[in-house]
Amino acid sequence: LVWGVGKILWQFLDFLKTVNAQIAAQIIGTSGTVLAAVIAVVLG
């Protein structure tokens, strides 16, 4: 899980560099919600 999250996060940051700030903010907000839900399920 740690390795996978690290790899995805690295690729995600590279992707954000190619889009404008407004879209990046929306993506970050949505991703944070999804990530929180995934972490809650795993910890459960």
PDB file of all heavy atoms in Angstrom:
ATOM      1  N   LEU A   1       0.828  -1.209   0.000  1.00  0.00           N
ATOM      2  CA  LEU A   1       0.000   0.000   0.000  1.00  0.00           C
ATOM      3  C   LEU A   1       0.861   1.257   0.000  1.00  0.00           C
ATOM      4  O   LEU A   1       0.603   2.201  -0.751  1.00  0.00           O
ATOM      5  CB  LEU A   1      -0.924  -0.017   1.212  1.00  0.00           C
ATOM      6  CG  LEU A   1      -1.843   1.197   1.379  1.00  0.00           C
ATOM      7  CD1 LEU A   1      -2.810   1.283   0.204  1.00  0.00           C
ATOM      8  CD2 LEU A   1      -2.622   1.097   2.693  1.00  0.00           C
ATOM      9  N   VAL A   2       1.891   1.262   0.843  1.00  0.00           N
ATOM     10  CA  VAL A   2       2.777   2.430   0.909  1.00  0.00           C
ATOM     11  C   VAL A   2       3.470   2.666  -0.437  1.00  0.00           C
ATOM     12  O   VAL A   2       3.550   3.797  -0.932  1.00  0.00           O
ATOM     13  CB  VAL A   2       3.823   2.255   2.032  1.00  0.00           C
ATOM     14  CG1 VAL A   2       4.892   3.350   1.960  1.00  0.00           C
ATOM     15  CG2 VAL A   2       3.145   2.276   3.391  1.00  0.00           C
ATOM     16  N   TRP A   3       3.982   1.590  -1.013  1.00  0.00           N
ATOM     17  CA  TRP A   3       4.661   1.712  -2.309  1.00  0.00           C
ATOM     18  C   TRP A   3       3.694   2.201  -3.383  1.00  0.00           C
ATOM     19  O   TRP A   3       4.020   3.090  -4.181  1.00  0.00           O
ATOM     20  CB  TRP A   3       5.256   0.369  -2.714  1.00  0.00           C
ATOM     21  CG  TRP A   3       5.917   0.390  -4.067  1.00  0.00           C
ATOM     22  CD1 TRP A   3       7.184   0.778  -4.362  1.00  0.00           C
ATOM     23  CD2 TRP A   3       5.316   0.008  -5.318  1.00  0.00           C
ATOM     24  NE1 TRP A   3       7.430   0.672  -5.702  1.00  0.00           N
ATOM     25  CE2 TRP A   3       6.292   0.203  -6.327  1.00  0.00           C
ATOM     26  CE3 TRP A   3       4.058  -0.471  -5.679  1.00  0.00           C
ATOM     27  CZ2 TRP A   3       6.047  -0.080  -7.657  1.00  0.00           C
ATOM     28  CZ3 TRP A   3       3.801  -0.739  -7.014  1.00  0.00           C
ATOM     29  CH2 TRP A   3       4.791  -0.547  -7.990  1.00  0.00           C
ATOM     30  N   GLY A   4       2.499   1.629  -3.407  1.00  0.00           N
ATOM     31  CA  GLY A   4       1.521   2.005  -4.424  1.00  0.00           C
ATOM     32  C   GLY A   4       1.068   3.451  -4.285  1.00  0.00           C
ATOM     33  O   GLY A   4       0.967   4.178  -5.287  1.00  0.00           O
ATOM     34  N   VAL A   5       0.801   3.869  -3.052  1.00  0.00           N
ATOM     35  CA  VAL A   5       0.367   5.254  -2.833  1.00  0.00           C
ATOM     36  C   VAL A   5       1.476   6.229  -3.225  1.00  0.00           C
ATOM     37  O   VAL A   5       1.231   7.269  -3.843  1.00  0.00           O
ATOM     38  CB  VAL A   5      -0.033   5.455  -1.360  1.00  0.00           C
ATOM     39  CG1 VAL A   5      -0.243   6.941  -1.056  1.00  0.00           C
ATOM     40  CG2 VAL A   5      -1.303   4.675  -1.045  1.00  0.00           C
ATOM     41  N   GLY A   6       2.719   5.885  -2.881  1.00  0.00           N
ATOM     42  CA  GLY A   6       3.836   6.756  -3.243  1.00  0.00           C
ATOM     43  C   GLY A   6       3.985   6.910  -4.736  1.00  0.00           C
ATOM     44  O   GLY A   6       4.199   8.026  -5.258  1.00  0.00           O
ATOM     45  N   LYS A   7       3.846   5.802  -5.442  1.00  0.00           N
ATOM     46  CA  LYS A   7       3.992   5.835  -6.908  1.00  0.00           C
ATOM     47  C   LYS A   7       2.868   6.647  -7.548  1.00  0.00           C
ATOM     48  O   LYS A   7       3.099   7.465  -8.453  1.00  0.00           O
ATOM     49  CB  LYS A   7       3.995   4.404  -7.449  1.00  0.00           C
ATOM     50  CG  LYS A   7       4.282   4.326  -8.948  1.00  0.00           C
ATOM     51  CD  LYS A   7       4.397   2.884  -9.392  1.00  0.00           C
ATOM     52  CE  LYS A   7       4.699   2.785 -10.883  1.00  0.00           C
ATOM     53  NZ  LYS A   7       5.984   3.428 -11.247  1.00  0.00           N
ATOM     54  N   ILE A   8       1.649   6.413  -7.078  1.00  0.00           N
ATOM     55  CA  ILE A   8       0.504   7.150  -7.627  1.00  0.00           C
ATOM     56  C   ILE A   8       0.628   8.642  -7.327  1.00  0.00           C
ATOM     57  O   ILE A   8       0.340   9.496  -8.181  1.00  0.00           O
ATOM     58  CB  ILE A   8      -0.814   6.590  -7.047  1.00  0.00           C
ATOM     59  CG1 ILE A   8      -1.047   5.154  -7.549  1.00  0.00           C
ATOM     60  CG2 ILE A   8      -1.994   7.475  -7.409  1.00  0.00           C
ATOM     61  CD1 ILE A   8      -2.228   4.462  -6.914  1.00  0.00           C
ATOM     62  N   LEU A   9       1.051   8.970  -6.110  1.00  0.00           N
ATOM     63  CA  LEU A   9       1.193  10.376  -5.738  1.00  0.00           C
ATOM     64  C   LEU A   9       2.234  11.081  -6.598  1.00  0.00           C
ATOM     65  O   LEU A   9       2.041  12.225  -7.029  1.00  0.00           O
ATOM     66  CB  LEU A   9       1.574  10.472  -4.257  1.00  0.00           C
ATOM     67  CG  LEU A   9       1.725  11.891  -3.684  1.00  0.00           C
ATOM     68  CD1 LEU A   9       0.407  12.655  -3.821  1.00  0.00           C
ATOM     69  CD2 LEU A   9       2.164  11.833  -2.227  1.00  0.00           C
ATOM     70  N   TRP A  10       3.324  10.392  -6.854  1.00  0.00           N
ATOM     71  CA  TRP A  10       4.381  10.985  -7.689  1.00  0.00           C
ATOM     72  C   TRP A  10       3.872  11.263  -9.104  1.00  0.00           C
ATOM     73  O   TRP A  10       4.107  12.338  -9.657  1.00  0.00           O
ATOM     74  CB  TRP A  10       5.583  10.046  -7.722  1.00  0.00           C
ATOM     75  CG  TRP A  10       6.765  10.609  -8.450  1.00  0.00           C
ATOM     76  CD1 TRP A  10       7.122  10.424  -9.752  1.00  0.00           C
ATOM     77  CD2 TRP A  10       7.736  11.500  -7.907  1.00  0.00           C
ATOM     78  NE1 TRP A  10       8.262  11.111 -10.062  1.00  0.00           N
ATOM     79  CE2 TRP A  10       8.668  11.782  -8.948  1.00  0.00           C
ATOM     80  CE3 TRP A  10       7.943  12.062  -6.639  1.00  0.00           C
ATOM     81  CZ2 TRP A  10       9.762  12.622  -8.758  1.00  0.00           C
ATOM     82  CZ3 TRP A  10       9.036  12.894  -6.453  1.00  0.00           C
ATOM     83  CH2 TRP A  10       9.928  13.168  -7.501  1.00  0.00           C
ATOM     84  N   GLN A  11       3.171  10.292  -9.690  1.00  0.00           N
ATOM     85  CA  GLN A  11       2.615  10.485 -11.021  1.00  0.00           C
ATOM     86  C   GLN A  11       1.533  11.565 -11.026  1.00  0.00           C
ATOM     87  O   GLN A  11       1.392  12.325 -11.993  1.00  0.00           O
ATOM     88  CB  GLN A  11       2.036   9.163 -11.538  1.00  0.00           C
ATOM     89  CG  GLN A  11       3.095   8.090 -11.774  1.00  0.00           C
ATOM     90  CD  GLN A  11       2.489   6.773 -12.228  1.00  0.00           C
ATOM     91  OE1 GLN A  11       1.290   6.576 -12.131  1.00  0.00           O
ATOM     92  NE2 GLN A  11       3.338   5.871 -12.705  1.00  0.00           N
ATOM     93  N   PHE A  12       0.795  11.633  -9.947  1.00  0.00           N
ATOM     94  CA  PHE A  12      -0.272  12.621  -9.834  1.00  0.00           C
ATOM     95  C   PHE A  12       0.304  14.039  -9.802  1.00  0.00           C
ATOM     96  O   PHE A  12      -0.212  14.956 -10.441  1.00  0.00           O
ATOM     97  CB  PHE A  12      -1.082  12.341  -8.576  1.00  0.00           C
ATOM     98  CG  PHE A  12      -2.221  13.292  -8.354  1.00  0.00           C
ATOM     99  CD1 PHE A  12      -3.301  13.320  -9.222  1.00  0.00           C
ATOM    100  CD2 PHE A  12      -2.211  14.173  -7.279  1.00  0.00           C
ATOM    101  CE1 PHE A  12      -4.350  14.193  -9.017  1.00  0.00           C
ATOM    102  CE2 PHE A  12      -3.259  15.047  -7.069  1.00  0.00           C
ATOM    103  CZ  PHE A  12      -4.333  15.067  -7.946  1.00  0.00           C
ATOM    104  N   LEU A  13       1.395  14.219  -9.082  1.00  0.00           N
ATOM    105  CA  LEU A  13       2.032  15.527  -9.013  1.00  0.00           C
ATOM    106  C   LEU A  13       2.596  15.940 -10.376  1.00  0.00           C
ATOM    107  O   LEU A  13       2.530  17.120 -10.765  1.00  0.00           O
ATOM    108  CB  LEU A  13       3.156  15.514  -7.962  1.00  0.00           C
ATOM    109  CG  LEU A  13       2.692  15.366  -6.499  1.00  0.00           C
ATOM    110  CD1 LEU A  13       3.901  15.248  -5.574  1.00  0.00           C
ATOM    111  CD2 LEU A  13       1.809  16.537  -6.092  1.00  0.00           C
ATOM    112  N   ASP A  14       3.139  14.969 -11.093  1.00  0.00           N
ATOM    113  CA  ASP A  14       3.621  15.265 -12.445  1.00  0.00           C
ATOM    114  C   ASP A  14       2.482  15.705 -13.356  1.00  0.00           C
ATOM    115  O   ASP A  14       2.623  16.603 -14.189  1.00  0.00           O
ATOM    116  CB  ASP A  14       4.315  14.031 -13.038  1.00  0.00           C
ATOM    117  CG  ASP A  14       5.687  13.792 -12.416  1.00  0.00           C
ATOM    118  OD1 ASP A  14       6.252  14.754 -11.838  1.00  0.00           O
ATOM    119  OD2 ASP A  14       6.185  12.657 -12.500  1.00  0.00           O
ATOM    120  N   PHE A  15       1.317  15.049 -13.167  1.00  0.00           N
ATOM    121  CA  PHE A  15       0.156  15.392 -13.984  1.00  0.00           C
ATOM    122  C   PHE A  15      -0.348  16.801 -13.689  1.00  0.00           C
ATOM    123  O   PHE A  15      -0.740  17.552 -14.601  1.00  0.00           O
ATOM    124  CB  PHE A  15      -0.961  14.370 -13.754  1.00  0.00           C
ATOM    125  CG  PHE A  15      -2.283  14.769 -14.344  1.00  0.00           C
ATOM    126  CD1 PHE A  15      -2.498  14.706 -15.714  1.00  0.00           C
ATOM    127  CD2 PHE A  15      -3.316  15.223 -13.525  1.00  0.00           C
ATOM    128  CE1 PHE A  15      -3.718  15.081 -16.254  1.00  0.00           C
ATOM    129  CE2 PHE A  15      -4.527  15.594 -14.065  1.00  0.00           C
ATOM    130  CZ  PHE A  15      -4.726  15.526 -15.436  1.00  0.00           C
ATOM    131  N   LEU A  16      -0.330  17.182 -12.419  1.00  0.00           N
ATOM    132  CA  LEU A  16      -0.835  18.502 -12.038  1.00  0.00           C
ATOM    133  C   LEU A  16      -0.019  19.632 -12.665  1.00  0.00           C
ATOM    134  O   LEU A  16      -0.518  20.741 -12.860  1.00  0.00           O
ATOM    135  CB  LEU A  16      -0.843  18.653 -10.511  1.00  0.00           C
ATOM    136  CG  LEU A  16      -1.863  17.798  -9.745  1.00  0.00           C
ATOM    137  CD1 LEU A  16      -1.737  18.044  -8.253  1.00  0.00           C
ATOM    138  CD2 LEU A  16      -3.290  18.104 -10.221  1.00  0.00           C
ATOM    139  N   LYS A  17       1.224  19.354 -12.961  1.00  0.00           N
ATOM    140  CA  LYS A  17       2.080  20.373 -13.556  1.00  0.00           C
ATOM    141  C   LYS A  17       1.641  20.730 -14.975  1.00  0.00           C
ATOM    142  O   LYS A  17       2.003  21.791 -15.499  1.00  0.00           O
ATOM    143  CB  LYS A  17       3.522  19.893 -13.581  1.00  0.00           C
ATOM    144  CG  LYS A  17       4.129  19.694 -12.199  1.00  0.00           C
ATOM    145  CD  LYS A  17       5.542  19.141 -12.296  1.00  0.00           C
ATOM    146  CE  LYS A  17       6.146  18.892 -10.921  1.00  0.00           C
ATOM    147  NZ  LYS A  17       7.516  18.312 -10.994  1.00  0.00           N
ATOM    148  N   THR A  18       0.833  19.841 -15.591  1.00  0.00           N
ATOM    149  CA  THR A  18       0.441  20.057 -16.986  1.00  0.00           C
ATOM    150  C   THR A  18      -0.918  20.732 -17.116  1.00  0.00           C
ATOM    151  O   THR A  18      -1.356  20.991 -18.245  1.00  0.00           O
ATOM    152  CB  THR A  18       0.402  18.704 -17.727  1.00  0.00           C
ATOM    153  OG1 THR A  18      -0.616  17.880 -17.154  1.00  0.00           O
ATOM    154  CG2 THR A  18       1.735  17.986 -17.628  1.00  0.00           C
ATOM    155  N   VAL A  19      -1.643  20.982 -16.002  1.00  0.00           N
ATOM    156  CA  VAL A  19      -2.977  21.579 -16.071  1.00  0.00           C
ATOM    157  C   VAL A  19      -2.946  22.940 -15.368  1.00  0.00           C
ATOM    158  O   VAL A  19      -2.025  23.242 -14.596  1.00  0.00           O
ATOM    159  CB  VAL A  19      -4.035  20.661 -15.431  1.00  0.00           C
ATOM    160  CG1 VAL A  19      -4.090  19.336 -16.162  1.00  0.00           C
ATOM    161  CG2 VAL A  19      -3.734  20.446 -13.951  1.00  0.00           C
ATOM    162  N   ASN A  20      -4.003  23.748 -15.585  1.00  0.00           N
ATOM    163  CA  ASN A  20      -4.040  25.074 -14.961  1.00  0.00           C
ATOM    164  C   ASN A  20      -4.409  24.963 -13.486  1.00  0.00           C
ATOM    165  O   ASN A  20      -4.866  23.919 -13.014  1.00  0.00           O
ATOM    166  CB  ASN A  20      -5.004  26.005 -15.703  1.00  0.00           C
ATOM    167  CG  ASN A  20      -6.447  25.466 -15.653  1.00  0.00           C
ATOM    168  OD1 ASN A  20      -6.950  25.143 -14.582  1.00  0.00           O
ATOM    169  ND2 ASN A  20      -7.092  25.399 -16.817  1.00  0.00           N
ATOM    170  N   ALA A  21      -4.266  26.054 -12.769  1.00  0.00           N
ATOM    171  CA  ALA A  21      -4.410  26.050 -11.307  1.00  0.00           C
ATOM    172  C   ALA A  21      -5.821  25.709 -10.854  1.00  0.00           C
ATOM    173  O   ALA A  21      -6.025  24.983  -9.862  1.00  0.00           O
ATOM    174  CB  ALA A  21      -3.993  27.417 -10.752  1.00  0.00           C
ATOM    175  N   GLN A  22      -6.857  26.216 -11.562  1.00  0.00           N
ATOM    176  CA  GLN A  22      -8.235  25.969 -11.140  1.00  0.00           C
ATOM    177  C   GLN A  22      -8.594  24.500 -11.244  1.00  0.00           C
ATOM    178  O   GLN A  22      -9.184  23.913 -10.333  1.00  0.00           O
ATOM    179  CB  GLN A  22      -9.197  26.810 -11.992  1.00  0.00           C
ATOM    180  CG  GLN A  22     -10.654  26.669 -11.549  1.00  0.00           C
ATOM    181  CD  GLN A  22     -11.589  27.565 -12.347  1.00  0.00           C
ATOM    182  OE1 GLN A  22     -11.153  28.284 -13.252  1.00  0.00           O
ATOM    183  NE2 GLN A  22     -12.863  27.525 -12.015  1.00  0.00           N
ATOM    184  N   ILE A  23      -8.246  23.903 -12.363  1.00  0.00           N
ATOM    185  CA  ILE A  23      -8.534  22.475 -12.542  1.00  0.00           C
ATOM    186  C   ILE A  23      -7.732  21.645 -11.543  1.00  0.00           C
ATOM    187  O   ILE A  23      -8.235  20.669 -10.966  1.00  0.00           O
ATOM    188  CB  ILE A  23      -8.216  22.046 -13.990  1.00  0.00           C
ATOM    189  CG1 ILE A  23      -9.137  22.781 -14.974  1.00  0.00           C
ATOM    190  CG2 ILE A  23      -8.353  20.535 -14.134  1.00  0.00           C
ATOM    191  CD1 ILE A  23      -8.834  22.471 -16.432  1.00  0.00           C
ATOM    192  N   ALA A  24      -6.503  22.048 -11.311  1.00  0.00           N
ATOM    193  CA  ALA A  24      -5.667  21.319 -10.358  1.00  0.00           C
ATOM    194  C   ALA A  24      -6.273  21.342  -8.967  1.00  0.00           C
ATOM    195  O   ALA A  24      -6.264  20.339  -8.237  1.00  0.00           O
ATOM    196  CB  ALA A  24      -4.263  21.917 -10.346  1.00  0.00           C
ATOM    197  N   ALA A  25      -6.826  22.503  -8.557  1.00  0.00           N
ATOM    198  CA  ALA A  25      -7.446  22.617  -7.229  1.00  0.00           C
ATOM    199  C   ALA A  25      -8.647  21.686  -7.106  1.00  0.00           C
ATOM    200  O   ALA A  25      -8.863  21.042  -6.065  1.00  0.00           O
ATOM    201  CB  ALA A  25      -7.857  24.068  -6.974  1.00  0.00           C
ATOM    202  N   GLN A  26      -9.457  21.609  -8.168  1.00  0.00           N
ATOM    203  CA  GLN A  26     -10.625  20.728  -8.158  1.00  0.00           C
ATOM    204  C   GLN A  26     -10.197  19.264  -8.073  1.00  0.00           C
ATOM    205  O   GLN A  26     -10.798  18.460  -7.345  1.00  0.00           O
ATOM    206  CB  GLN A  26     -11.473  20.965  -9.403  1.00  0.00           C
ATOM    207  CG  GLN A  26     -12.127  22.341  -9.452  1.00  0.00           C
ATOM    208  CD  GLN A  26     -12.892  22.576 -10.741  1.00  0.00           C
ATOM    209  OE1 GLN A  26     -12.789  21.804 -11.688  1.00  0.00           O
ATOM    210  NE2 GLN A  26     -13.655  23.670 -10.773  1.00  0.00           N
ATOM    211  N   ILE A  27      -9.174  18.934  -8.824  1.00  0.00           N
ATOM    212  CA  ILE A  27      -8.685  17.549  -8.806  1.00  0.00           C
ATOM    213  C   ILE A  27      -8.145  17.182  -7.429  1.00  0.00           C
ATOM    214  O   ILE A  27      -8.407  16.088  -6.904  1.00  0.00           O
ATOM    215  CB  ILE A  27      -7.593  17.357  -9.875  1.00  0.00           C
ATOM    216  CG1 ILE A  27      -8.200  17.504 -11.278  1.00  0.00           C
ATOM    217  CG2 ILE A  27      -6.928  15.994  -9.718  1.00  0.00           C
ATOM    218  CD1 ILE A  27      -7.177  17.434 -12.389  1.00  0.00           C
ATOM    219  N   ILE A  28      -7.402  18.101  -6.833  1.00  0.00           N
ATOM    220  CA  ILE A  28      -6.839  17.834  -5.502  1.00  0.00           C
ATOM    221  C   ILE A  28      -7.949  17.632  -4.470  1.00  0.00           C
ATOM    222  O   ILE A  28      -7.889  16.723  -3.630  1.00  0.00           O
ATOM    223  CB  ILE A  28      -5.915  18.994  -5.082  1.00  0.00           C
ATOM    224  CG1 ILE A  28      -4.664  19.005  -5.960  1.00  0.00           C
ATOM    225  CG2 ILE A  28      -5.527  18.868  -3.609  1.00  0.00           C
ATOM    226  CD1 ILE A  28      -3.746  20.197  -5.693  1.00  0.00           C
ATOM    227  N   GLY A  29      -8.995  18.476  -4.534  1.00  0.00           N
ATOM    228  CA  GLY A  29     -10.101  18.340  -3.593  1.00  0.00           C
ATOM    229  C   GLY A  29     -10.814  17.001  -3.714  1.00  0.00           C
ATOM    230  O   GLY A  29     -11.096  16.325  -2.723  1.00  0.00           O
ATOM    231  N   THR A  30     -11.112  16.611  -4.956  1.00  0.00           N
ATOM    232  CA  THR A  30     -11.787  15.326  -5.194  1.00  0.00           C
ATOM    233  C   THR A  30     -10.908  14.151  -4.790  1.00  0.00           C
ATOM    234  O   THR A  30     -11.363  13.190  -4.161  1.00  0.00           O
ATOM    235  CB  THR A  30     -12.172  15.194  -6.677  1.00  0.00           C
ATOM    236  OG1 THR A  30     -12.993  16.301  -7.041  1.00  0.00           O
ATOM    237  CG2 THR A  30     -12.919  13.896  -6.912  1.00  0.00           C
ATOM    238  N   SER A  31      -9.635  14.242  -5.137  1.00  0.00           N
ATOM    239  CA  SER A  31      -8.706  13.155  -4.812  1.00  0.00           C
ATOM    240  C   SER A  31      -8.558  12.984  -3.302  1.00  0.00           C
ATOM    241  O   SER A  31      -8.461  11.869  -2.794  1.00  0.00           O
ATOM    242  CB  SER A  31      -7.339  13.427  -5.443  1.00  0.00           C
ATOM    243  OG  SER A  31      -7.441  13.526  -6.848  1.00  0.00           O
ATOM    244  N   GLY A  32      -8.544  14.124  -2.590  1.00  0.00           N
ATOM    245  CA  GLY A  32      -8.432  14.051  -1.134  1.00  0.00           C
ATOM    246  C   GLY A  32      -9.602  13.319  -0.518  1.00  0.00           C
ATOM    247  O   GLY A  32      -9.435  12.513   0.404  1.00  0.00           O
ATOM    248  N   THR A  33     -10.804  13.570  -1.026  1.00  0.00           N
ATOM    249  CA  THR A  33     -11.995  12.884  -0.509  1.00  0.00           C
ATOM    250  C   THR A  33     -11.924  11.386  -0.763  1.00  0.00           C
ATOM    251  O   THR A  33     -12.220  10.567   0.117  1.00  0.00           O
ATOM    252  CB  THR A  33     -13.258  13.460  -1.165  1.00  0.00           C
ATOM    253  OG1 THR A  33     -13.333  14.871  -0.909  1.00  0.00           O
ATOM    254  CG2 THR A  33     -14.503  12.782  -0.623  1.00  0.00           C
ATOM    255  N   VAL A  34     -11.540  11.035  -2.007  1.00  0.00           N
ATOM    256  CA  VAL A  34     -11.432   9.615  -2.356  1.00  0.00           C
ATOM    257  C   VAL A  34     -10.359   8.932  -1.516  1.00  0.00           C
ATOM    258  O   VAL A  34     -10.554   7.823  -1.001  1.00  0.00           O
ATOM    259  CB  VAL A  34     -11.121   9.459  -3.857  1.00  0.00           C
ATOM    260  CG1 VAL A  34     -10.847   7.994  -4.188  1.00  0.00           C
ATOM    261  CG2 VAL A  34     -12.273   9.990  -4.687  1.00  0.00           C
ATOM    262  N   LEU A  35      -9.209   9.592  -1.361  1.00  0.00           N
ATOM    263  CA  LEU A  35      -8.110   9.009  -0.590  1.00  0.00           C
ATOM    264  C   LEU A  35      -8.500   8.793   0.866  1.00  0.00           C
ATOM    265  O   LEU A  35      -8.179   7.763   1.459  1.00  0.00           O
ATOM    266  CB  LEU A  35      -6.881   9.920  -0.669  1.00  0.00           C
ATOM    267  CG  LEU A  35      -5.630   9.425   0.076  1.00  0.00           C
ATOM    268  CD1 LEU A  35      -5.177   8.085  -0.501  1.00  0.00           C
ATOM    269  CD2 LEU A  35      -4.518  10.463  -0.029  1.00  0.00           C
ATOM    270  N   ALA A  36      -9.230   9.769   1.426  1.00  0.00           N
ATOM    271  CA  ALA A  36      -9.681   9.626   2.814  1.00  0.00           C
ATOM    272  C   ALA A  36     -10.606   8.430   2.971  1.00  0.00           C
ATOM    273  O   ALA A  36     -10.527   7.671   3.957  1.00  0.00           O
ATOM    274  CB  ALA A  36     -10.382  10.904   3.269  1.00  0.00           C
ATOM    275  N   ALA A  37     -11.485   8.233   1.985  1.00  0.00           N
ATOM    276  CA  ALA A  37     -12.409   7.092   2.046  1.00  0.00           C
ATOM    277  C   ALA A  37     -11.649   5.771   1.950  1.00  0.00           C
ATOM    278  O   ALA A  37     -11.955   4.813   2.666  1.00  0.00           O
ATOM    279  CB  ALA A  37     -13.428   7.204   0.914  1.00  0.00           C
ATOM    280  N   VAL A  38     -10.652   5.720   1.056  1.00  0.00           N
ATOM    281  CA  VAL A  38      -9.850   4.505   0.905  1.00  0.00           C
ATOM    282  C   VAL A  38      -9.088   4.187   2.187  1.00  0.00           C
ATOM    283  O   VAL A  38      -9.053   3.035   2.645  1.00  0.00           O
ATOM    284  CB  VAL A  38      -8.871   4.652  -0.279  1.00  0.00           C
ATOM    285  CG1 VAL A  38      -7.891   3.475  -0.308  1.00  0.00           C
ATOM    286  CG2 VAL A  38      -9.636   4.729  -1.593  1.00  0.00           C
ATOM    287  N   ILE A  39      -8.490   5.211   2.780  1.00  0.00           N
ATOM    288  CA  ILE A  39      -7.740   5.005   4.023  1.00  0.00           C
ATOM    289  C   ILE A  39      -8.663   4.503   5.129  1.00  0.00           C
ATOM    290  O   ILE A  39      -8.301   3.615   5.907  1.00  0.00           O
ATOM    291  CB  ILE A  39      -7.045   6.315   4.447  1.00  0.00           C
ATOM    292  CG1 ILE A  39      -5.939   6.667   3.458  1.00  0.00           C
ATOM    293  CG2 ILE A  39      -6.482   6.197   5.861  1.00  0.00           C
ATOM    294  CD1 ILE A  39      -5.265   7.990   3.750  1.00  0.00           C
ATOM    295  N   ALA A  40      -9.867   5.073   5.206  1.00  0.00           N
ATOM    296  CA  ALA A  40     -10.832   4.644   6.229  1.00  0.00           C
ATOM    297  C   ALA A  40     -11.189   3.173   6.051  1.00  0.00           C
ATOM    298  O   ALA A  40     -11.280   2.421   7.028  1.00  0.00           O
ATOM    299  CB  ALA A  40     -12.088   5.509   6.156  1.00  0.00           C
ATOM    300  N   VAL A  41     -11.391   2.731   4.810  1.00  0.00           N
ATOM    301  CA  VAL A  41     -11.724   1.335   4.543  1.00  0.00           C
ATOM    302  C   VAL A  41     -10.570   0.413   4.912  1.00  0.00           C
ATOM    303  O   VAL A  41     -10.755  -0.626   5.559  1.00  0.00           O
ATOM    304  CB  VAL A  41     -12.110   1.145   3.061  1.00  0.00           C
ATOM    305  CG1 VAL A  41     -12.252  -0.338   2.732  1.00  0.00           C
ATOM    306  CG2 VAL A  41     -13.407   1.878   2.751  1.00  0.00           C
ATOM    307  N   VAL A  42      -9.351   0.797   4.526  1.00  0.00           N
ATOM    308  CA  VAL A  42      -8.179  -0.030   4.815  1.00  0.00           C
ATOM    309  C   VAL A  42      -7.952  -0.151   6.311  1.00  0.00           C
ATOM    310  O   VAL A  42      -7.725  -1.246   6.841  1.00  0.00           O
ATOM    311  CB  VAL A  42      -6.924   0.557   4.124  1.00  0.00           C
ATOM    312  CG1 VAL A  42      -5.669  -0.188   4.592  1.00  0.00           C
ATOM    313  CG2 VAL A  42      -7.056   0.451   2.624  1.00  0.00           C
ATOM    314  N   LEU A  43      -8.020   0.976   7.013  1.00  0.00           N
ATOM    315  CA  LEU A  43      -7.834   0.946   8.463  1.00  0.00           C
ATOM    316  C   LEU A  43      -8.918   0.122   9.151  1.00  0.00           C
ATOM    317  O   LEU A  43      -8.658  -0.567  10.137  1.00  0.00           O
ATOM    318  CB  LEU A  43      -7.823   2.372   9.024  1.00  0.00           C
ATOM    319  CG  LEU A  43      -6.616   3.236   8.641  1.00  0.00           C
ATOM    320  CD1 LEU A  43      -6.751   4.631   9.236  1.00  0.00           C
ATOM    321  CD2 LEU A  43      -5.315   2.585   9.108  1.00  0.00           C
ATOM    322  N   GLY A  44     -10.134   0.204   8.606  1.00  0.00           N
ATOM    323  CA  GLY A  44     -11.216  -0.608   9.165  1.00  0.00           C
ATOM    324  C   GLY A  44     -10.953  -2.095   9.016  1.00  0.00           C
ATOM    325  O   GLY A  44     -11.212  -2.877   9.932  1.00  0.00           O
TER     326      GLY A  44
END
